[in-house]
């Protein structure tokens, strides 16, 4: 564990990856400030999870920022477009929100600089994921340089360090981390298209990847699912 009393700003969506990432930041001894962005996502249930997680982890400061990306649309998460349920695709799926992590990391950097923090945590993953371009390691490293060049703190020699502790983990690895950190998976929310009864659909990309990860890890996912792919077979 890293011993520090410094502030780290975590991008806390309310999903599994951001929950585990927040817990890792706390485990490393950082005073955690969290940023949750309400961007008009159809799976707004994750905003409730973000609030719950922040309370459970003792987050020192939690900012909830409205940013209505429904005005742009072009994604199944922000427009009236059906969420795919047939399984993972080879191409970037329609659930991709244009430049979402670019926008979110910019806002997280602004929050970090205003908080006097040099450490930013984000729960991106580039192994078991839907192929979003703004989850790749080259994007994260490129953004860190952009933040150095585009901020007062950066040009004064105090650049931001972007921590992506889950970057090279599989979903099974992340499920194991969830268990190791004594986190209840049901605190988080991953489903893109919840049922009217408030259950995870079990069939969207995010549900499939999550279910597969927990199954491979041999860890119980306590989340309530309406159904599971192929009658319980976790093949995505």
Protein backbone atom coordinates (compact mmCIF):
# COMPACT_ATOMS: atom_id res chain seq x y z
CA UNK A 1 0.00 0.00 0.00
CA UNK A 2 1.27 3.46 -0.82
CA UNK A 3 1.34 5.73 2.21
CA UNK A 4 0.27 9.24 1.29
CA UNK A 5 -2.06 11.96 2.45
CA UNK A 6 -2.39 13.43 -1.04
CA UNK A 7 -5.68 13.89 -2.83
CA UNK A 8 -6.54 11.72 -5.80
CA UNK A 9 -9.50 12.49 -8.04
CA UNK A 10 -11.37 9.43 -9.28
CA UNK A 11 -13.81 9.35 -12.19
CA UNK A 12 -16.63 7.45 -10.49
CA UNK A 13 -19.36 6.35 -12.88
CA UNK A 14 -20.97 3.86 -10.53
CA UNK A 15 -19.88 0.87 -12.62
CA UNK A 16 -17.86 -2.09 -11.42
CA UNK A 17 -14.57 -0.84 -12.86
CA UNK A 18 -14.87 2.62 -11.33
CA UNK A 19 -15.86 1.13 -7.95
CA UNK A 20 -12.81 -1.13 -7.89
CA UNK A 21 -10.59 1.74 -9.07
CA UNK A 22 -11.89 4.01 -6.31
CA UNK A 23 -11.18 1.35 -3.71
CA UNK A 24 -7.65 0.88 -5.07
CA UNK A 25 -7.01 4.63 -4.79
CA UNK A 26 -8.19 4.56 -1.17
CA UNK A 27 -6.11 1.44 -0.47
CA UNK A 28 -3.03 3.27 -1.72
CA UNK A 29 -3.62 5.88 0.95
CA UNK A 30 -5.02 8.72 -1.13
CA UNK A 31 -7.73 11.03 0.11
CA UNK A 32 -10.33 10.32 -2.54
CA UNK A 33 -12.30 13.02 -4.29
CA UNK A 34 -14.75 11.63 -6.84
CA UNK A 35 -16.36 13.08 -9.95
CA UNK A 36 -19.58 11.57 -11.28
CA UNK A 37 -20.98 12.90 -14.54
CA UNK A 38 -24.68 12.76 -15.29
CA UNK A 39 -24.52 12.88 -19.07
CA UNK A 40 -28.12 11.88 -19.75
CA UNK A 41 -27.26 8.19 -20.00
CA UNK A 42 -30.23 5.85 -20.31
CA UNK A 43 -28.70 3.65 -17.61
CA UNK A 44 -29.09 6.43 -15.04
CA UNK A 45 -29.31 3.77 -12.35
CA UNK A 46 -25.52 3.87 -12.19
CA UNK A 47 -25.71 7.41 -10.76
CA UNK A 48 -27.46 5.98 -7.70
CA UNK A 49 -24.68 3.41 -7.45
CA UNK A 50 -22.03 6.13 -7.63
CA UNK A 51 -23.62 7.88 -4.66
CA UNK A 52 -23.81 4.62 -2.73
CA UNK A 53 -20.21 3.66 -3.50
CA UNK A 54 -18.93 7.10 -2.49
CA UNK A 55 -20.65 6.68 0.87
CA UNK A 56 -19.41 3.13 1.41
CA UNK A 57 -15.80 4.05 0.60
CA UNK A 58 -15.81 7.23 2.66
CA UNK A 59 -15.06 9.51 -0.29
CA UNK A 60 -13.97 12.88 1.07
CA UNK A 61 -15.66 14.95 -1.62
CA UNK A 62 -18.11 13.81 -4.29
CA UNK A 63 -19.06 16.17 -7.11
CA UNK A 64 -22.01 15.27 -9.35
CA UNK A 65 -21.78 17.22 -12.59
CA UNK A 66 -24.59 17.51 -15.16
CA UNK A 67 -23.55 17.34 -18.82
CA UNK A 68 -26.45 16.56 -21.13
CA UNK A 69 -24.92 14.62 -24.04
CA UNK A 70 -28.43 13.76 -25.22
CA UNK A 71 -28.16 17.05 -27.09
CA UNK A 72 -25.56 15.36 -29.33
CA UNK A 73 -27.07 11.86 -29.49
CA UNK A 74 -25.37 9.41 -31.87
CA UNK A 75 -25.15 6.68 -29.22
CA UNK A 76 -27.56 4.05 -27.92
CA UNK A 77 -26.77 5.39 -24.44
CA UNK A 78 -27.83 8.97 -25.18
CA UNK A 79 -30.38 8.68 -28.00
CA UNK A 80 -33.49 6.70 -28.87
CA UNK A 81 -31.51 3.83 -30.37
CA UNK A 82 -31.92 0.21 -29.32
CA UNK A 83 -29.15 -1.18 -27.14
CA UNK A 84 -27.70 -4.25 -28.93
CA UNK A 85 -28.46 -7.53 -27.16
CA UNK A 86 -27.15 -10.16 -29.60
CA UNK A 87 -23.57 -10.29 -28.31
CA UNK A 88 -20.29 -8.47 -28.78
CA UNK A 89 -19.47 -7.12 -32.23
CA UNK A 90 -16.16 -6.83 -34.06
CA UNK A 91 -16.69 -3.15 -34.79
CA UNK A 92 -17.04 -0.30 -32.30
CA UNK A 93 -20.65 -0.71 -31.08
CA UNK A 94 -23.45 1.85 -31.15
CA UNK A 95 -23.12 2.11 -27.35
CA UNK A 96 -19.94 4.13 -27.92
CA UNK A 97 -20.54 7.72 -26.76
CA UNK A 98 -18.48 10.05 -29.00
CA UNK A 99 -15.31 11.22 -27.20
CA UNK A 100 -16.80 10.40 -23.78
CA UNK A 101 -13.56 9.65 -21.95
CA UNK A 102 -11.85 12.57 -23.66
CA UNK A 103 -14.55 14.86 -22.27
CA UNK A 104 -14.64 13.16 -18.88
CA UNK A 105 -10.88 13.17 -18.36
CA UNK A 106 -10.77 16.85 -19.29
CA UNK A 107 -13.37 17.59 -16.62
CA UNK A 108 -11.62 15.33 -14.13
CA UNK A 109 -8.37 17.18 -14.77
CA UNK A 110 -10.07 20.51 -14.14
CA UNK A 111 -11.46 19.13 -10.88
CA UNK A 112 -8.04 17.79 -9.91
CA UNK A 113 -6.28 21.07 -10.61
CA UNK A 114 -8.86 23.01 -8.61
CA UNK A 115 -8.42 20.50 -5.76
CA UNK A 116 -4.63 20.74 -5.76
CA UNK A 117 -4.37 17.10 -6.83
CA UNK A 118 -1.81 15.64 -9.21
CA UNK A 119 -3.21 12.10 -9.28
CA UNK A 120 -6.19 11.06 -11.41
CA UNK A 121 -7.69 7.56 -11.38
CA UNK A 122 -9.85 6.15 -14.16
CA UNK A 123 -11.22 2.62 -14.48
CA UNK A 124 -10.59 2.03 -18.18
CA UNK A 125 -9.80 -1.48 -19.36
CA UNK A 126 -8.33 -2.56 -22.70
CA UNK A 127 -8.62 -6.35 -22.55
CA UNK A 128 -12.22 -7.42 -21.90
CA UNK A 129 -14.11 -4.38 -23.17
CA UNK A 130 -16.35 -3.26 -26.03
CA UNK A 131 -13.57 -1.84 -28.19
CA UNK A 132 -14.04 1.82 -27.36
CA UNK A 133 -11.02 3.79 -28.66
CA UNK A 134 -10.85 6.02 -25.57
CA UNK A 135 -10.07 3.03 -23.32
CA UNK A 136 -6.74 2.21 -24.96
CA UNK A 137 -3.38 2.74 -23.21
CA UNK A 138 -2.14 5.01 -26.00
CA UNK A 139 -5.09 7.34 -25.44
CA UNK A 140 -4.43 7.52 -21.69
CA UNK A 141 -0.73 8.29 -22.16
CA UNK A 142 -1.51 10.84 -24.85
CA UNK A 143 -4.06 12.57 -22.63
CA UNK A 144 -1.54 12.81 -19.78
CA UNK A 145 0.76 14.78 -22.09
CA UNK A 146 -2.13 16.98 -23.25
CA UNK A 147 -3.00 17.72 -19.62
CA UNK A 148 0.63 18.64 -18.93
CA UNK A 149 0.68 21.07 -21.83
CA UNK A 150 -2.77 22.55 -21.26
CA UNK A 151 -2.81 23.35 -17.55
CA UNK A 152 -1.14 25.87 -15.26
CA UNK A 153 -0.11 23.05 -12.97
CA UNK A 154 1.46 21.16 -15.85
CA UNK A 155 3.57 23.97 -17.23
CA UNK A 156 4.74 24.85 -13.71
CA UNK A 157 6.31 21.41 -13.42
CA UNK A 158 3.63 19.54 -11.46
CA UNK A 159 2.14 17.29 -14.15
CA UNK A 160 -0.80 15.00 -13.58
CA UNK A 161 -0.32 11.27 -13.26
CA UNK A 162 -3.14 9.32 -14.84
CA UNK A 163 -3.59 6.03 -12.98
CA UNK A 164 -5.43 3.27 -14.84
CA UNK A 165 -4.92 0.31 -12.48
CA UNK A 166 -7.32 -1.95 -14.38
CA UNK A 167 -5.89 -1.15 -17.81
CA UNK A 168 -4.39 -4.58 -18.47
CA UNK A 169 -6.73 -6.70 -16.35
CA UNK A 170 -9.32 -9.11 -17.65
CA UNK A 171 -12.86 -8.86 -16.30
CA UNK A 172 -12.08 -11.99 -14.29
CA UNK A 173 -9.12 -10.18 -12.73
CA UNK A 174 -11.37 -7.24 -11.90
CA UNK A 175 -13.94 -9.55 -10.31
CA UNK A 176 -11.17 -11.03 -8.16
CA UNK A 177 -10.05 -7.53 -7.16
CA UNK A 178 -13.63 -6.73 -6.20
CA UNK A 179 -13.63 -9.72 -3.86
CA UNK A 180 -10.15 -8.98 -2.49
CA UNK A 181 -11.18 -5.44 -1.63
CA UNK A 182 -14.31 -6.72 0.16
CA UNK A 183 -16.64 -4.86 -2.19
CA UNK A 184 -20.17 -6.06 -2.87
CA UNK A 185 -20.63 -6.25 -6.66
CA UNK A 186 -24.26 -5.16 -6.24
CA UNK A 187 -23.10 -1.75 -5.04
CA UNK A 188 -22.12 -1.08 -8.66
CA UNK A 189 -24.16 -0.98 -11.85
CA UNK A 190 -23.01 -1.98 -15.34
CA UNK A 191 -26.17 -2.65 -17.37
CA UNK A 192 -26.86 -0.32 -20.30
CA UNK A 193 -30.58 -1.11 -20.49
CA UNK A 194 -32.19 -1.87 -17.10
CA UNK A 195 -35.62 -3.48 -16.99
CA UNK A 196 -38.65 -1.54 -15.71
CA UNK A 197 -38.35 -3.63 -12.52
CA UNK A 198 -34.83 -2.34 -11.95
CA UNK A 199 -32.94 -5.49 -12.87
CA UNK A 200 -29.89 -5.68 -15.12
CA UNK A 201 -30.91 -6.94 -18.57
CA UNK A 202 -28.11 -9.55 -18.70
CA UNK A 203 -27.81 -9.32 -22.50
CA UNK A 204 -26.19 -5.98 -23.36
CA UNK A 205 -22.44 -5.85 -24.01
CA UNK A 206 -21.71 -4.55 -20.53
CA UNK A 207 -23.75 -7.25 -18.80
CA UNK A 208 -22.23 -10.00 -20.94
CA UNK A 209 -18.67 -8.91 -20.18
CA UNK A 210 -19.40 -8.56 -16.49
CA UNK A 211 -21.13 -11.94 -16.19
CA UNK A 212 -18.36 -13.65 -18.12
CA UNK A 213 -15.72 -12.11 -15.86
CA UNK A 214 -17.38 -13.18 -12.63
CA UNK A 215 -18.02 -16.67 -14.00
CA UNK A 216 -14.38 -17.09 -15.05
CA UNK A 217 -13.19 -15.79 -11.68
CA UNK A 218 -15.50 -18.11 -9.77
CA UNK A 219 -16.83 -15.10 -7.86
CA UNK A 220 -20.53 -14.55 -7.19
CA UNK A 221 -22.08 -11.47 -8.74
CA UNK A 222 -24.80 -10.40 -6.31
CA UNK A 223 -26.47 -8.15 -8.90
CA UNK A 224 -30.04 -9.06 -9.89
CA UNK A 225 -30.27 -10.02 -13.59
CA UNK A 226 -33.49 -10.44 -15.56
CA UNK A 227 -31.84 -13.15 -17.64
CA UNK A 228 -28.43 -14.44 -18.64
CA UNK A 229 -26.99 -15.14 -22.11
CA UNK A 230 -27.68 -18.59 -23.54
CA UNK A 231 -29.57 -19.70 -20.47
CA UNK A 232 -26.65 -19.07 -18.15
CA UNK A 233 -23.76 -19.85 -20.51
CA UNK A 234 -21.40 -16.89 -20.15
CA UNK A 235 -20.05 -17.06 -23.71
CA UNK A 236 -20.26 -13.55 -25.17
